[in-house]
Protein backbone atom coordinates (compact mmCIF):
# COMPACT_ATOMS: atom_id res chain seq x y z
CA UNK A 1 -51.84 19.60 -11.58
CA UNK A 2 -49.28 17.14 -13.05
CA UNK A 3 -46.55 19.77 -12.88
CA UNK A 4 -47.15 20.34 -9.14
CA UNK A 5 -47.04 16.56 -8.40
CA UNK A 6 -43.72 16.28 -10.29
CA UNK A 7 -42.13 19.43 -8.83
CA UNK A 8 -42.88 18.61 -5.20
CA UNK A 9 -40.74 15.40 -4.99
CA UNK A 10 -37.98 17.08 -6.97
CA UNK A 11 -37.96 20.03 -4.59
CA UNK A 12 -37.79 17.69 -1.57
CA UNK A 13 -34.81 15.86 -3.05
CA UNK A 14 -33.06 19.16 -3.95
CA UNK A 15 -33.67 20.55 -0.42
CA UNK A 16 -32.30 17.31 1.18
CA UNK A 17 -29.14 17.38 -0.93
CA UNK A 18 -28.46 21.12 -0.25
CA UNK A 19 -29.27 20.75 3.48
CA UNK A 20 -27.07 17.67 4.00
CA UNK A 21 -24.14 18.99 2.03
CA UNK A 22 -24.11 22.29 3.95
CA UNK A 23 -24.63 20.78 7.36
CA UNK A 24 -21.28 18.93 7.39
CA UNK A 25 -18.19 20.94 8.28
CA UNK A 26 -16.13 21.45 5.11
CA UNK A 27 -12.94 19.87 6.61
CA UNK A 28 -14.70 16.71 7.79
CA UNK A 29 -13.62 13.45 6.22
CA UNK A 30 -16.03 10.61 6.51
CA UNK A 31 -14.11 7.72 8.01
CA UNK A 32 -14.39 3.99 8.12
CA UNK A 33 -12.93 1.68 10.73
CA UNK A 34 -12.11 -1.35 8.52
CA UNK A 35 -8.34 -0.82 8.69
CA UNK A 36 -5.81 0.74 11.01
CA UNK A 37 -2.49 2.20 9.89
CA UNK A 38 0.82 0.57 10.82
CA UNK A 39 3.52 3.12 11.53
CA UNK A 40 7.34 2.90 11.44
CA UNK A 41 9.90 5.47 12.53
CA UNK A 42 11.88 7.02 9.60
CA UNK A 43 15.16 5.85 11.10
CA UNK A 44 13.86 2.22 11.14
CA UNK A 45 12.41 2.58 7.63
CA UNK A 46 15.82 3.48 6.27
CA UNK A 47 17.26 0.23 7.58
CA UNK A 48 14.29 -1.98 6.71
CA UNK A 49 15.15 -3.14 3.13
CA UNK A 50 17.30 -6.29 3.20
CA UNK A 51 17.62 -9.77 1.70
CA UNK A 52 16.37 -12.79 3.67
CA UNK A 53 17.70 -16.11 2.20
CA UNK A 54 14.63 -18.16 3.17
CA UNK A 55 11.17 -18.68 1.81
CA UNK A 56 8.10 -17.09 3.23
CA UNK A 57 4.47 -18.03 2.74
CA UNK A 58 2.69 -16.05 -0.05
CA UNK A 59 -0.38 -14.50 1.58
CA UNK A 60 -1.45 -11.13 0.16
CA UNK A 61 0.28 -11.00 -3.18
CA UNK A 62 0.27 -8.11 -5.58
CA UNK A 63 2.31 -7.46 -8.68
CA UNK A 64 4.46 -10.04 -10.40
CA UNK A 65 7.73 -9.51 -12.40
CA UNK A 66 9.70 -12.11 -14.32
CA UNK A 67 13.41 -11.93 -15.32
CA UNK A 68 16.08 -14.47 -16.24
CA UNK A 69 14.28 -17.49 -14.88
CA UNK A 70 13.20 -15.81 -11.66
CA UNK A 71 9.75 -14.57 -10.64
CA UNK A 72 9.42 -11.70 -8.16
CA UNK A 73 6.05 -11.54 -6.40
CA UNK A 74 5.06 -8.59 -4.26
CA UNK A 75 3.72 -9.31 -0.81
CA UNK A 76 1.57 -6.21 -0.25
CA UNK A 77 3.08 -3.86 2.37
CA UNK A 78 5.77 -6.46 3.28
CA UNK A 79 8.28 -6.97 0.46
CA UNK A 80 9.06 -9.25 -2.50
CA UNK A 81 9.26 -13.05 -2.75
CA UNK A 82 12.03 -14.42 -4.96
CA UNK A 83 11.10 -17.57 -6.82
CA UNK A 84 13.47 -19.77 -8.97
CA UNK A 85 11.38 -20.61 -11.98
CA UNK A 86 14.09 -22.05 -14.25
CA UNK A 87 12.12 -25.31 -14.15
CA UNK A 88 8.60 -24.01 -14.55
CA UNK A 89 7.15 -27.40 -13.45
CA UNK A 90 8.97 -27.10 -10.07
CA UNK A 91 9.17 -23.44 -9.05
CA UNK A 92 10.98 -22.88 -5.74
CA UNK A 93 10.43 -19.99 -3.40
CA UNK A 94 13.85 -19.40 -1.88
CA UNK A 95 14.21 -15.83 -0.63
CA UNK A 96 12.44 -12.67 0.42
CA UNK A 97 13.39 -9.03 0.06
CA UNK A 98 12.05 -7.33 3.16
CA UNK A 99 10.60 -3.83 2.24
CA UNK A 100 7.82 -2.52 4.53
CA UNK A 101 5.25 -0.49 2.68
CA UNK A 102 6.12 -2.09 -0.71
CA UNK A 103 3.28 -2.33 -3.21
CA UNK A 104 5.15 -1.87 -6.49
CA UNK A 105 8.38 -2.86 -8.16
CA UNK A 106 10.27 -2.86 -11.44
CA UNK A 107 13.52 -4.38 -12.59
CA UNK A 108 16.08 -2.95 -14.99
CA UNK A 109 19.33 -4.85 -15.48
CA UNK A 110 20.23 -6.21 -12.04
CA UNK A 111 18.52 -3.39 -10.10
CA UNK A 112 15.07 -3.79 -8.57
CA UNK A 113 13.31 -0.46 -8.01
CA UNK A 114 10.71 -0.68 -5.30
CA UNK A 115 8.77 1.54 -2.96
CA UNK A 116 9.65 1.35 0.70
CA UNK A 117 6.53 3.18 1.93
CA UNK A 118 7.24 6.78 0.82
CA UNK A 119 10.84 6.16 -0.43
CA UNK A 120 12.16 4.87 -3.73
CA UNK A 121 14.82 2.25 -3.26
CA UNK A 122 17.27 0.78 -5.79
CA UNK A 123 18.09 -2.76 -4.69
CA UNK A 124 20.96 -4.68 -6.39
CA UNK A 125 19.84 -8.22 -7.05
CA UNK A 126 23.47 -9.45 -7.38
CA UNK A 127 24.99 -7.98 -4.22
CA UNK A 128 21.60 -8.16 -2.42
CA UNK A 129 21.88 -4.70 -0.92
CA UNK A 130 20.41 -1.27 -1.22
CA UNK A 131 22.35 0.86 -3.67
CA UNK A 132 20.36 4.04 -3.43
CA UNK A 133 17.37 5.50 -1.52
CA UNK A 134 15.44 8.62 -2.52
CA UNK A 135 13.27 9.73 0.42
CA UNK A 136 9.66 10.92 0.24
CA UNK A 137 9.07 10.25 -3.46
CA UNK A 138 5.64 8.69 -2.94
CA UNK A 139 2.59 9.46 -0.86
CA UNK A 140 2.00 7.15 2.15
CA UNK A 141 0.36 3.83 1.15
CA UNK A 142 -3.41 4.10 1.01
CA UNK A 143 -5.75 1.70 2.70
CA UNK A 144 -6.52 -1.56 0.85
CA UNK A 145 -10.20 -0.66 0.43
CA UNK A 146 -9.37 2.76 -1.05
CA UNK A 147 -11.26 4.49 1.81
CA UNK A 148 -10.31 7.85 3.28
CA UNK A 149 -9.15 7.80 6.90
CA UNK A 150 -8.64 10.56 9.37
CA UNK A 151 -5.25 9.99 10.90
CA UNK A 152 -4.50 12.22 13.88
CA UNK A 153 -1.62 14.65 13.56
CA UNK A 154 1.62 12.87 14.37
CA UNK A 155 5.33 13.49 14.46
CA UNK A 156 6.82 13.42 10.94
CA UNK A 157 9.23 10.74 12.00
CA UNK A 158 6.44 8.23 11.81
CA UNK A 159 5.41 6.87 8.37
CA UNK A 160 2.58 4.55 7.39
CA UNK A 161 4.07 1.27 6.07
CA UNK A 162 0.87 -0.80 5.97
CA UNK A 163 -2.64 -1.50 7.21
CA UNK A 164 -4.26 -4.05 9.44
CA UNK A 165 -7.80 -5.03 10.26
CA UNK A 166 -8.82 -4.03 13.78
CA UNK A 167 -10.11 -6.82 16.02
CA UNK A 168 -13.85 -7.25 15.71
CA UNK A 169 -15.87 -6.80 18.89
CA UNK A 170 -18.26 -9.59 19.68
């Protein structure tokens, strides 16, 4: 009698798992609506990395890199803040490297390597210009919450460079 009582709930759970997993189409991706992709045309992306000699507010920061008295702080999906930290008691944000889709960076010598959405860009910190771009090295940036999203088919000239929260309905 004890075996029957134990087997019945286990059989119900097994049936539910098998039934639910086979009832969804195999190509279906469960989606969430917390974020919406921001697109940019490839031609605009290739012109989008440049130096801005003015400070911007730090809002959604990511990785940090220090070199030669400067601190470089990633602004997720936007670019990199440049901070003069030669006097650590009075750091001064003084510039911004615009790079849509940027979430990672590294510096070697005077070259900052950063992602510009799907491209790898070599940015010269002395001349403040792009020295090289290698297209389509990285996958498109994923949503901040790590969720999977169904994005309708689109022309390949559009690339995801960031994510935004949709307006909430009241």
